[in-house]
Amino acid sequence: MEDPIHIGFLGGCINNQKGIAKDEFYYEVFSMLLQDRPHHQAVSIYLTFDTMVEKAERFMDKNNLDMLFLVIRQFPLMPLHKPFIKYENQQGGVSWALHPALWQRKLQWSKKLTEYHTLNEYVYKKKSRFGLRDLNLLAGKLMGLYRWAPAYVMQELVKVADLCARKNVQLIVLSTQQFPTSLMGNIACKKTSYYIEEQCAKQDIHYVNIIHLGEEHFAKDKVHFSADCHRFIANVLYDAFETHTFANIVPRAKMVHQH
């Protein structure tokens, strides 16, 4: 009997999207495409980029992964581009801070900005396409944060790639998506996606860029992808898995048997 492959999806949509059935999410469609091959699948999320590496390691170890799909999340990208950052404090309220890179240009983040962070994205609140958040993002662009932020994300991504190499886990990175409800946020997502694509090619990290999927691929809320787009992404990831990755995977159960 063929040993199962252990596959994990970290980041991306979790199964609370309005209007999408559980079996329509891209990772569920991917699992159906892989139904003829024994496999176990796990799904989780990271909240911020400064916790992504630690979360990835725990996720890989807990689920004994052979294969990791890592999604560059859209919402944690936004604070990296803003000079004035709203964050959750110890009392459960909201505080404000200046971006740490305004004091020193090191690729470091302040722990206090994420220490009490939750999954409260406020994604269903209707917002103007160009509002106060976009003025904040525009100020960040003028201050050089649109160069700093992609470099910081790439730094953390390389750490995950190194971790996967040490643990013999195959890695495929899925880009962030567009941000149709925010003019400056959309620019930030596109710039980050293309920068990471270029750097991943240099680092030999397998990267799937879906930033070209425009507003017509989104659900009515213009925040999440439609069911059709989830199916499209699942097929893109399946093709990447089949073409570039599957031949290199030795399921962990088989590795144990060989030893």
Foldseek 3Di string as FASTA:
>chain_A
DDDAAEEEEEADDDPPDPPDDPCLFLVNLLCVVCVVGHYHYYYYYDDALVCVQVVLVVVCVVRVHQAYEYEDELQNLLQLQFQWDWAAAPVRDIDIDGFPCVVPVDLDGDCRRPVPHDPPRVLQDQDAQEDPSNVRNVVSVVVPSLVSRLVSSLVSVVSNVVVCVVSNHAYEYEAYEAQRSYPSSRVSRVSSLVVNVVVCVVVVHHYDYPHPDDQVQPDPSSGHGDSVVSSVVSVVVSCCCVPPNVVSGDHPVVVVVVD
